[in-house]
Amino acid sequence: GHYFNEKALEFEPDRAPEAARALSPREVDAMTFLAM
Protein backbone atom coordinates (compact mmCIF):
# COMPACT_ATOMS: atom_id res chain seq x y z
CA GLY A 1 0.00 0.00 0.00
CA HIS A 2 2.76 2.46 0.86
CA TYR A 3 4.79 1.53 -2.23
CA PHE A 4 1.69 2.05 -4.36
CA ASN A 5 1.02 5.45 -2.78
CA GLU A 6 4.64 6.55 -3.29
CA LYS A 7 4.44 5.74 -6.99
CA ALA A 8 1.02 7.42 -7.35
CA LEU A 9 2.50 10.62 -5.88
CA GLU A 10 5.02 10.70 -8.71
CA PHE A 11 2.24 10.72 -11.31
CA GLU A 12 -0.17 13.02 -9.49
CA PRO A 13 2.03 15.61 -7.73
CA ASP A 14 -0.48 18.43 -8.17
CA ARG A 15 -3.22 16.57 -6.35
CA ALA A 16 -1.62 16.93 -2.93
CA PRO A 17 -3.52 19.57 -0.89
CA GLU A 18 -1.56 22.56 0.34
CA ALA A 19 -0.10 22.30 3.80
CA ALA A 20 -2.38 23.58 6.53
CA ARG A 21 -1.29 26.52 8.66
CA ALA A 22 -0.11 25.56 12.13
CA LEU A 23 -2.65 25.71 14.96
CA SER A 24 -1.90 27.30 18.31
CA PRO A 25 -1.72 25.01 21.39
CA ARG A 26 -5.18 26.17 22.51
CA GLU A 27 -6.62 25.61 19.06
CA VAL A 28 -5.16 22.10 19.05
CA ASP A 29 -6.73 21.44 22.46
CA ALA A 30 -10.12 22.69 21.30
CA MET A 31 -10.08 20.67 18.07
CA THR A 32 -8.89 17.54 19.89
CA PHE A 33 -11.67 17.59 22.48
CA LEU A 34 -14.28 18.28 19.80
CA ALA A 35 -12.93 15.33 17.80
CA MET A 36 -13.34 13.19 20.93
PDB file of all heavy atoms in Angstrom:
ATOM      1  N   GLY A   1       0.812  -1.212   0.000  1.00  0.00           N
ATOM      2  CA  GLY A   1       0.000   0.000   0.000  1.00  0.00           C
ATOM      3  C   GLY A   1       0.841   1.256   0.000  1.00  0.00           C
ATOM      4  O   GLY A   1       0.574   2.208  -0.749  1.00  0.00           O
ATOM      5  N   HIS A   2       1.889   1.275   0.805  1.00  0.00           N
ATOM      6  CA  HIS A   2       2.755   2.457   0.864  1.00  0.00           C
ATOM      7  C   HIS A   2       3.617   2.588  -0.396  1.00  0.00           C
ATOM      8  O   HIS A   2       3.869   3.703  -0.858  1.00  0.00           O
ATOM      9  CB  HIS A   2       3.615   2.407   2.127  1.00  0.00           C
ATOM     10  CG  HIS A   2       2.859   2.774   3.366  1.00  0.00           C
ATOM     11  ND1 HIS A   2       2.682   4.081   3.771  1.00  0.00           N
ATOM     12  CD2 HIS A   2       2.191   2.008   4.266  1.00  0.00           C
ATOM     13  CE1 HIS A   2       1.959   4.105   4.875  1.00  0.00           C
ATOM     14  NE2 HIS A   2       1.660   2.866   5.197  1.00  0.00           N
ATOM     15  N   TYR A   3       4.072   1.484  -0.955  1.00  0.00           N
ATOM     16  CA  TYR A   3       4.787   1.534  -2.231  1.00  0.00           C
ATOM     17  C   TYR A   3       3.884   2.087  -3.328  1.00  0.00           C
ATOM     18  O   TYR A   3       4.306   2.911  -4.145  1.00  0.00           O
ATOM     19  CB  TYR A   3       5.252   0.127  -2.629  1.00  0.00           C
ATOM     20  CG  TYR A   3       6.670  -0.202  -2.217  1.00  0.00           C
ATOM     21  CD1 TYR A   3       6.962  -0.695  -0.945  1.00  0.00           C
ATOM     22  CD2 TYR A   3       7.728  -0.039  -3.107  1.00  0.00           C
ATOM     23  CE1 TYR A   3       8.253  -1.020  -0.569  1.00  0.00           C
ATOM     24  CE2 TYR A   3       9.027  -0.355  -2.739  1.00  0.00           C
ATOM     25  CZ  TYR A   3       9.278  -0.836  -1.478  1.00  0.00           C
ATOM     26  OH  TYR A   3      10.567  -1.145  -1.105  1.00  0.00           O
ATOM     27  N   PHE A   4       2.646   1.619  -3.344  1.00  0.00           N
ATOM     28  CA  PHE A   4       1.686   2.048  -4.357  1.00  0.00           C
ATOM     29  C   PHE A   4       1.433   3.551  -4.240  1.00  0.00           C
ATOM     30  O   PHE A   4       1.412   4.279  -5.237  1.00  0.00           O
ATOM     31  CB  PHE A   4       0.370   1.284  -4.175  1.00  0.00           C
ATOM     32  CG  PHE A   4      -0.381   1.061  -5.449  1.00  0.00           C
ATOM     33  CD1 PHE A   4      -0.315  -0.154  -6.100  1.00  0.00           C
ATOM     34  CD2 PHE A   4      -1.164   2.060  -6.001  1.00  0.00           C
ATOM     35  CE1 PHE A   4      -1.014  -0.380  -7.286  1.00  0.00           C
ATOM     36  CE2 PHE A   4      -1.860   1.856  -7.173  1.00  0.00           C
ATOM     37  CZ  PHE A   4      -1.789   0.632  -7.821  1.00  0.00           C
ATOM     38  N   ASN A   5       1.273   4.023  -3.008  1.00  0.00           N
ATOM     39  CA  ASN A   5       1.023   5.449  -2.785  1.00  0.00           C
ATOM     40  C   ASN A   5       2.227   6.291  -3.210  1.00  0.00           C
ATOM     41  O   ASN A   5       2.074   7.356  -3.813  1.00  0.00           O
ATOM     42  CB  ASN A   5       0.715   5.691  -1.306  1.00  0.00           C
ATOM     43  CG  ASN A   5       0.299   7.118  -1.024  1.00  0.00           C
ATOM     44  OD1 ASN A   5      -0.741   7.583  -1.483  1.00  0.00           O
ATOM     45  ND2 ASN A   5       1.118   7.835  -0.268  1.00  0.00           N
ATOM     46  N   GLU A   6       3.424   5.818  -2.911  1.00  0.00           N
ATOM     47  CA  GLU A   6       4.637   6.547  -3.286  1.00  0.00           C
ATOM     48  C   GLU A   6       4.728   6.721  -4.800  1.00  0.00           C
ATOM     49  O   GLU A   6       5.080   7.792  -5.302  1.00  0.00           O
ATOM     50  CB  GLU A   6       5.857   5.804  -2.763  1.00  0.00           C
ATOM     51  CG  GLU A   6       7.177   6.516  -3.031  1.00  0.00           C
ATOM     52  CD  GLU A   6       8.371   5.760  -2.469  1.00  0.00           C
ATOM     53  OE1 GLU A   6       8.159   4.802  -1.704  1.00  0.00           O
ATOM     54  OE2 GLU A   6       9.521   6.136  -2.805  1.00  0.00           O
ATOM     55  N   LYS A   7       4.392   5.656  -5.527  1.00  0.00           N
ATOM     56  CA  LYS A   7       4.438   5.744  -6.986  1.00  0.00           C
ATOM     57  C   LYS A   7       3.324   6.648  -7.513  1.00  0.00           C
ATOM     58  O   LYS A   7       3.534   7.448  -8.434  1.00  0.00           O
ATOM     59  CB  LYS A   7       4.320   4.344  -7.590  1.00  0.00           C
ATOM     60  CG  LYS A   7       4.293   4.307  -9.106  1.00  0.00           C
ATOM     61  CD  LYS A   7       5.505   5.000  -9.732  1.00  0.00           C
ATOM     62  CE  LYS A   7       6.798   4.296  -9.437  1.00  0.00           C
ATOM     63  NZ  LYS A   7       7.934   4.857 -10.235  1.00  0.00           N
ATOM     64  N   ALA A   8       2.132   6.570  -6.928  1.00  0.00           N
ATOM     65  CA  ALA A   8       1.015   7.421  -7.354  1.00  0.00           C
ATOM     66  C   ALA A   8       1.352   8.899  -7.165  1.00  0.00           C
ATOM     67  O   ALA A   8       0.959   9.748  -7.969  1.00  0.00           O
ATOM     68  CB  ALA A   8      -0.247   7.059  -6.586  1.00  0.00           C
ATOM     69  N   LEU A   9       2.099   9.232  -6.121  1.00  0.00           N
ATOM     70  CA  LEU A   9       2.500  10.619  -5.881  1.00  0.00           C
ATOM     71  C   LEU A   9       3.367  11.148  -7.013  1.00  0.00           C
ATOM     72  O   LEU A   9       3.311  12.337  -7.341  1.00  0.00           O
ATOM     73  CB  LEU A   9       3.246  10.738  -4.552  1.00  0.00           C
ATOM     74  CG  LEU A   9       2.399  10.718  -3.280  1.00  0.00           C
ATOM     75  CD1 LEU A   9       3.306  10.674  -2.052  1.00  0.00           C
ATOM     76  CD2 LEU A   9       1.488  11.920  -3.201  1.00  0.00           C
ATOM     77  N   GLU A  10       4.159  10.274  -7.602  1.00  0.00           N
ATOM     78  CA  GLU A  10       5.017  10.703  -8.714  1.00  0.00           C
ATOM     79  C   GLU A  10       4.187  11.133  -9.923  1.00  0.00           C
ATOM     80  O   GLU A  10       4.537  12.073 -10.624  1.00  0.00           O
ATOM     81  CB  GLU A  10       5.954   9.566  -9.125  1.00  0.00           C
ATOM     82  CG  GLU A  10       6.999   9.199  -8.088  1.00  0.00           C
ATOM     83  CD  GLU A  10       7.904   8.089  -8.581  1.00  0.00           C
ATOM     84  OE1 GLU A  10       7.933   7.843  -9.815  1.00  0.00           O
ATOM     85  OE2 GLU A  10       8.571   7.449  -7.743  1.00  0.00           O
ATOM     86  N   PHE A  11       3.070  10.433 -10.143  1.00  0.00           N
ATOM     87  CA  PHE A  11       2.245  10.719 -11.307  1.00  0.00           C
ATOM     88  C   PHE A  11       1.237  11.826 -11.062  1.00  0.00           C
ATOM     89  O   PHE A  11       0.779  12.469 -11.998  1.00  0.00           O
ATOM     90  CB  PHE A  11       1.490   9.454 -11.743  1.00  0.00           C
ATOM     91  CG  PHE A  11       2.390   8.353 -12.204  1.00  0.00           C
ATOM     92  CD1 PHE A  11       2.248   7.071 -11.710  1.00  0.00           C
ATOM     93  CD2 PHE A  11       3.394   8.596 -13.128  1.00  0.00           C
ATOM     94  CE1 PHE A  11       3.072   6.040 -12.149  1.00  0.00           C
ATOM     95  CE2 PHE A  11       4.225   7.580 -13.563  1.00  0.00           C
ATOM     96  CZ  PHE A  11       4.065   6.299 -13.069  1.00  0.00           C
ATOM     97  N   GLU A  12       0.859  12.033  -9.810  1.00  0.00           N
ATOM     98  CA  GLU A  12      -0.165  13.018  -9.492  1.00  0.00           C
ATOM     99  C   GLU A  12       0.339  14.036  -8.464  1.00  0.00           C
ATOM    100  O   GLU A  12      -0.261  14.245  -7.430  1.00  0.00           O
ATOM    101  CB  GLU A  12      -1.416  12.314  -8.935  1.00  0.00           C
ATOM    102  CG  GLU A  12      -2.043  11.343  -9.903  1.00  0.00           C
ATOM    103  CD  GLU A  12      -2.647  12.036 -11.107  1.00  0.00           C
ATOM    104  OE1 GLU A  12      -3.213  13.124 -10.938  1.00  0.00           O
ATOM    105  OE2 GLU A  12      -2.541  11.495 -12.221  1.00  0.00           O
ATOM    106  N   PRO A  13       1.462  14.696  -8.735  1.00  0.00           N
ATOM    107  CA  PRO A  13       2.034  15.611  -7.730  1.00  0.00           C
ATOM    108  C   PRO A  13       1.156  16.807  -7.424  1.00  0.00           C
ATOM    109  O   PRO A  13       1.202  17.357  -6.338  1.00  0.00           O
ATOM    110  CB  PRO A  13       3.357  16.051  -8.380  1.00  0.00           C
ATOM    111  CG  PRO A  13       3.108  15.907  -9.856  1.00  0.00           C
ATOM    112  CD  PRO A  13       2.246  14.689  -9.987  1.00  0.00           C
ATOM    113  N   ASP A  14       0.333  17.241  -8.392  1.00  0.00           N
ATOM    114  CA  ASP A  14      -0.483  18.433  -8.175  1.00  0.00           C
ATOM    115  C   ASP A  14      -1.750  18.160  -7.387  1.00  0.00           C
ATOM    116  O   ASP A  14      -2.484  19.080  -7.053  1.00  0.00           O
ATOM    117  CB  ASP A  14      -0.878  19.054  -9.522  1.00  0.00           C
ATOM    118  CG  ASP A  14       0.339  19.553 -10.284  1.00  0.00           C
ATOM    119  OD1 ASP A  14       1.330  19.909  -9.618  1.00  0.00           O
ATOM    120  OD2 ASP A  14       0.299  19.569 -11.527  1.00  0.00           O
ATOM    121  N   ARG A  15      -1.997  16.883  -7.078  1.00  0.00           N
ATOM    122  CA  ARG A  15      -3.220  16.570  -6.349  1.00  0.00           C
ATOM    123  C   ARG A  15      -3.049  16.685  -4.840  1.00  0.00           C
ATOM    124  O   ARG A  15      -4.016  16.604  -4.108  1.00  0.00           O
ATOM    125  CB  ARG A  15      -3.705  15.158  -6.687  1.00  0.00           C
ATOM    126  CG  ARG A  15      -4.264  15.056  -8.088  1.00  0.00           C
ATOM    127  CD  ARG A  15      -4.858  13.678  -8.324  1.00  0.00           C
ATOM    128  NE  ARG A  15      -5.389  13.572  -9.673  1.00  0.00           N
ATOM    129  CZ  ARG A  15      -6.637  13.856 -10.008  1.00  0.00           C
ATOM    130  NH1 ARG A  15      -7.463  14.297  -9.072  1.00  0.00           N
ATOM    131  NH2 ARG A  15      -7.052  13.744 -11.244  1.00  0.00           N
ATOM    132  N   ALA A  16      -1.828  16.820  -4.368  1.00  0.00           N
ATOM    133  CA  ALA A  16      -1.624  16.935  -2.927  1.00  0.00           C
ATOM    134  C   ALA A  16      -2.131  18.277  -2.434  1.00  0.00           C
ATOM    135  O   ALA A  16      -1.733  19.312  -2.947  1.00  0.00           O
ATOM    136  CB  ALA A  16      -0.131  16.800  -2.591  1.00  0.00           C
ATOM    137  N   PRO A  17      -3.024  18.303  -1.399  1.00  0.00           N
ATOM    138  CA  PRO A  17      -3.518  19.566  -0.887  1.00  0.00           C
ATOM    139  C   PRO A  17      -2.398  20.392  -0.290  1.00  0.00           C
ATOM    140  O   PRO A  17      -1.373  19.870   0.141  1.00  0.00           O
ATOM    141  CB  PRO A  17      -4.516  19.130   0.208  1.00  0.00           C
ATOM    142  CG  PRO A  17      -4.834  17.698  -0.099  1.00  0.00           C
ATOM    143  CD  PRO A  17      -3.608  17.143  -0.746  1.00  0.00           C
ATOM    144  N   GLU A  18      -2.560  21.692  -0.261  1.00  0.00           N
ATOM    145  CA  GLU A  18      -1.559  22.563   0.341  1.00  0.00           C
ATOM    146  C   GLU A  18      -1.472  22.301   1.842  1.00  0.00           C
ATOM    147  O   GLU A  18      -2.439  21.932   2.488  1.00  0.00           O
ATOM    148  CB  GLU A  18      -1.935  24.035   0.111  1.00  0.00           C
ATOM    149  CG  GLU A  18      -1.893  24.443  -1.347  1.00  0.00           C
ATOM    150  CD  GLU A  18      -2.235  25.903  -1.526  1.00  0.00           C
ATOM    151  OE1 GLU A  18      -2.512  26.566  -0.485  1.00  0.00           O
ATOM    152  OE2 GLU A  18      -2.241  26.372  -2.655  1.00  0.00           O
ATOM    153  N   ALA A  19      -0.299  22.524   2.378  1.00  0.00           N
ATOM    154  CA  ALA A  19      -0.099  22.301   3.801  1.00  0.00           C
ATOM    155  C   ALA A  19      -0.955  23.266   4.623  1.00  0.00           C
ATOM    156  O   ALA A  19      -1.103  24.432   4.271  1.00  0.00           O
ATOM    157  CB  ALA A  19       1.379  22.491   4.156  1.00  0.00           C
ATOM    158  N   ALA A  20      -1.554  22.735   5.679  1.00  0.00           N
ATOM    159  CA  ALA A  20      -2.381  23.578   6.533  1.00  0.00           C
ATOM    160  C   ALA A  20      -1.506  24.457   7.412  1.00  0.00           C
ATOM    161  O   ALA A  20      -0.388  24.099   7.768  1.00  0.00           O
ATOM    162  CB  ALA A  20      -3.274  22.687   7.409  1.00  0.00           C
ATOM    163  N   ARG A  21      -2.017  25.639   7.754  1.00  0.00           N
ATOM    164  CA  ARG A  21      -1.292  26.520   8.664  1.00  0.00           C
ATOM    165  C   ARG A  21      -1.299  25.912  10.052  1.00  0.00           C
ATOM    166  O   ARG A  21      -2.260  25.257  10.471  1.00  0.00           O
ATOM    167  CB  ARG A  21      -1.959  27.900   8.672  1.00  0.00           C
ATOM    168  CG  ARG A  21      -1.856  28.625   7.350  1.00  0.00           C
ATOM    169  CD  ARG A  21      -2.735  29.856   7.328  1.00  0.00           C
ATOM    170  NE  ARG A  21      -2.417  30.787   8.402  1.00  0.00           N
ATOM    171  CZ  ARG A  21      -3.111  31.900   8.647  1.00  0.00           C
ATOM    172  NH1 ARG A  21      -4.154  32.202   7.896  1.00  0.00           N
ATOM    173  NH2 ARG A  21      -2.762  32.703   9.636  1.00  0.00           N
ATOM    174  N   ALA A  22      -0.238  26.133  10.801  1.00  0.00           N
ATOM    175  CA  ALA A  22      -0.111  25.558  12.133  1.00  0.00           C
ATOM    176  C   ALA A  22      -1.167  26.124  13.066  1.00  0.00           C
ATOM    177  O   ALA A  22      -1.520  27.310  13.007  1.00  0.00           O
ATOM    178  CB  ALA A  22       1.287  25.841  12.681  1.00  0.00           C
ATOM    179  N   LEU A  23      -1.682  25.284  13.945  1.00  0.00           N
ATOM    180  CA  LEU A  23      -2.647  25.709  14.964  1.00  0.00           C
ATOM    181  C   LEU A  23      -1.906  26.045  16.248  1.00  0.00           C
ATOM    182  O   LEU A  23      -0.856  25.474  16.554  1.00  0.00           O
ATOM    183  CB  LEU A  23      -3.667  24.603  15.227  1.00  0.00           C
ATOM    184  CG  LEU A  23      -4.508  24.112  14.045  1.00  0.00           C
ATOM    185  CD1 LEU A  23      -5.474  23.033  14.519  1.00  0.00           C
ATOM    186  CD2 LEU A  23      -5.250  25.257  13.390  1.00  0.00           C
ATOM    187  N   SER A  24      -2.469  26.970  17.013  1.00  0.00           N
ATOM    188  CA  SER A  24      -1.895  27.300  18.314  1.00  0.00           C
ATOM    189  C   SER A  24      -2.188  26.158  19.281  1.00  0.00           C
ATOM    190  O   SER A  24      -3.077  25.331  19.035  1.00  0.00           O
ATOM    191  CB  SER A  24      -2.510  28.589  18.845  1.00  0.00           C
ATOM    192  OG  SER A  24      -3.854  28.364  19.243  1.00  0.00           O
ATOM    193  N   PRO A  25      -1.455  26.076  20.408  1.00  0.00           N
ATOM    194  CA  PRO A  25      -1.721  25.010  21.388  1.00  0.00           C
ATOM    195  C   PRO A  25      -3.169  24.972  21.849  1.00  0.00           C
ATOM    196  O   PRO A  25      -3.754  23.889  21.983  1.00  0.00           O
ATOM    197  CB  PRO A  25      -0.769  25.352  22.539  1.00  0.00           C
ATOM    198  CG  PRO A  25       0.376  26.053  21.876  1.00  0.00           C
ATOM    199  CD  PRO A  25      -0.256  26.868  20.793  1.00  0.00           C
ATOM    200  N   ARG A  26      -3.782  26.131  22.073  1.00  0.00           N
ATOM    201  CA  ARG A  26      -5.178  26.171  22.515  1.00  0.00           C
ATOM    202  C   ARG A  26      -6.122  25.712  21.411  1.00  0.00           C
ATOM    203  O   ARG A  26      -7.130  25.046  21.670  1.00  0.00           O
ATOM    204  CB  ARG A  26      -5.548  27.585  22.977  1.00  0.00           C
ATOM    205  CG  ARG A  26      -5.159  27.904  24.412  1.00  0.00           C
ATOM    206  CD  ARG A  26      -5.756  26.902  25.382  1.00  0.00           C
ATOM    207  NE  ARG A  26      -5.868  27.433  26.720  1.00  0.00           N
ATOM    208  CZ  ARG A  26      -6.216  26.711  27.784  1.00  0.00           C
ATOM    209  NH1 ARG A  26      -6.469  25.424  27.646  1.00  0.00           N
ATOM    210  NH2 ARG A  26      -6.317  27.271  28.981  1.00  0.00           N
ATOM    211  N   GLU A  27      -5.797  26.061  20.174  1.00  0.00           N
ATOM    212  CA  GLU A  27      -6.620  25.610  19.057  1.00  0.00           C
ATOM    213  C   GLU A  27      -6.527  24.096  18.897  1.00  0.00           C
ATOM    214  O   GLU A  27      -7.528  23.431  18.607  1.00  0.00           O
ATOM    215  CB  GLU A  27      -6.188  26.315  17.772  1.00  0.00           C
ATOM    216  CG  GLU A  27      -6.542  27.802  17.748  1.00  0.00           C
ATOM    217  CD  GLU A  27      -5.798  28.581  16.678  1.00  0.00           C
ATOM    218  OE1 GLU A  27      -4.939  27.991  15.986  1.00  0.00           O
ATOM    219  OE2 GLU A  27      -6.076  29.786  16.540  1.00  0.00           O
ATOM    220  N   VAL A  28      -5.333  23.550  19.098  1.00  0.00           N
ATOM    221  CA  VAL A  28      -5.155  22.103  19.054  1.00  0.00           C
ATOM    222  C   VAL A  28      -5.988  21.438  20.141  1.00  0.00           C
ATOM    223  O   VAL A  28      -6.675  20.429  19.908  1.00  0.00           O
ATOM    224  CB  VAL A  28      -3.664  21.731  19.222  1.00  0.00           C
ATOM    225  CG1 VAL A  28      -3.512  20.216  19.441  1.00  0.00           C
ATOM    226  CG2 VAL A  28      -2.868  22.165  18.003  1.00  0.00           C
ATOM    227  N   ASP A  29      -5.949  21.994  21.361  1.00  0.00           N
ATOM    228  CA  ASP A  29      -6.733  21.440  22.461  1.00  0.00           C
ATOM    229  C   ASP A  29      -8.218  21.440  22.122  1.00  0.00           C
ATOM    230  O   ASP A  29      -8.918  20.438  22.319  1.00  0.00           O
ATOM    231  CB  ASP A  29      -6.506  22.255  23.741  1.00  0.00           C
ATOM    232  CG  ASP A  29      -5.114  22.074  24.324  1.00  0.00           C
ATOM    233  OD1 ASP A  29      -4.460  21.061  23.980  1.00  0.00           O
ATOM    234  OD2 ASP A  29      -4.691  22.937  25.115  1.00  0.00           O
ATOM    235  N   ALA A  30      -8.698  22.572  21.623  1.00  0.00           N
ATOM    236  CA  ALA A  30     -10.123  22.694  21.298  1.00  0.00           C
ATOM    237  C   ALA A  30     -10.535  21.690  20.231  1.00  0.00           C
ATOM    238  O   ALA A  30     -11.539  20.976  20.373  1.00  0.00           O
ATOM    239  CB  ALA A  30     -10.440  24.119  20.837  1.00  0.00           C
ATOM    240  N   MET A  31      -9.761  21.596  19.149  1.00  0.00           N
ATOM    241  CA  MET A  31     -10.084  20.667  18.069  1.00  0.00           C
ATOM    242  C   MET A  31     -10.013  19.207  18.541  1.00  0.00           C
ATOM    243  O   MET A  31     -10.828  18.375  18.148  1.00  0.00           O
ATOM    244  CB  MET A  31      -9.118  20.863  16.898  1.00  0.00           C
ATOM    245  CG  MET A  31      -9.288  22.144  16.119  1.00  0.00           C
ATOM    246  SD  MET A  31     -10.822  22.210  15.142  1.00  0.00           S
ATOM    247  CE  MET A  31     -11.800  23.281  16.200  1.00  0.00           C
ATOM    248  N   THR A  32      -9.047  18.906  19.404  1.00  0.00           N
ATOM    249  CA  THR A  32      -8.890  17.537  19.887  1.00  0.00           C
ATOM    250  C   THR A  32     -10.095  17.105  20.708  1.00  0.00           C
ATOM    251  O   THR A  32     -10.647  16.011  20.506  1.00  0.00           O
ATOM    252  CB  THR A  32      -7.612  17.404  20.734  1.00  0.00           C
ATOM    253  OG1 THR A  32      -6.478  17.736  19.937  1.00  0.00           O
ATOM    254  CG2 THR A  32      -7.453  15.983  21.254  1.00  0.00           C
ATOM    255  N   PHE A  33     -10.523  17.953  21.641  1.00  0.00           N
ATOM    256  CA  PHE A  33     -11.674  17.591  22.481  1.00  0.00           C
ATOM    257  C   PHE A  33     -12.953  17.493  21.656  1.00  0.00           C
ATOM    258  O   PHE A  33     -13.795  16.624  21.897  1.00  0.00           O
ATOM    259  CB  PHE A  33     -11.843  18.589  23.621  1.00  0.00           C
ATOM    260  CG  PHE A  33     -10.839  18.409  24.731  1.00  0.00           C
ATOM    261  CD1 PHE A  33      -9.979  19.426  25.092  1.00  0.00           C
ATOM    262  CD2 PHE A  33     -10.740  17.199  25.416  1.00  0.00           C
ATOM    263  CE1 PHE A  33      -9.043  19.265  26.107  1.00  0.00           C
ATOM    264  CE2 PHE A  33      -9.812  17.013  26.427  1.00  0.00           C
ATOM    265  CZ  PHE A  33      -8.959  18.049  26.773  1.00  0.00           C
ATOM    266  N   LEU A  34     -13.113  18.366  20.670  1.00  0.00           N
ATOM    267  CA  LEU A  34     -14.282  18.276  19.796  1.00  0.00           C
ATOM    268  C   LEU A  34     -14.257  16.971  19.008  1.00  0.00           C
ATOM    269  O   LEU A  34     -15.295  16.326  18.814  1.00  0.00           O
ATOM    270  CB  LEU A  34     -14.328  19.474  18.844  1.00  0.00           C
ATOM    271  CG  LEU A  34     -14.675  20.830  19.475  1.00  0.00           C
ATOM    272  CD1 LEU A  34     -14.481  21.942  18.448  1.00  0.00           C
ATOM    273  CD2 LEU A  34     -16.110  20.837  20.003  1.00  0.00           C
ATOM    274  N   ALA A  35     -13.069  16.581  18.540  1.00  0.00           N
ATOM    275  CA  ALA A  35     -12.932  15.327  17.801  1.00  0.00           C
ATOM    276  C   ALA A  35     -13.253  14.125  18.685  1.00  0.00           C
ATOM    277  O   ALA A  35     -13.696  13.078  18.191  1.00  0.00           O
ATOM    278  CB  ALA A  35     -11.517  15.199  17.238  1.00  0.00           C
ATOM    279  N   MET A  36     -13.046  14.268  19.984  1.00  0.00           N
ATOM    280  CA  MET A  36     -13.338  13.186  20.925  1.00  0.00           C
ATOM    281  C   MET A  36     -14.823  13.109  21.272  1.00  0.00           C
ATOM    282  O   MET A  36     -15.254  12.211  21.997  1.00  0.00           O
ATOM    283  CB  MET A  36     -12.517  13.392  22.202  1.00  0.00           C
ATOM    284  CG  MET A  36     -11.024  13.184  22.008  1.00  0.00           C
ATOM    285  SD  MET A  36     -10.040  13.726  23.430  1.00  0.00           S
ATOM    286  CE  MET A  36     -10.636  12.604  24.705  1.00  0.00           C
TER     287      MET A  36
END
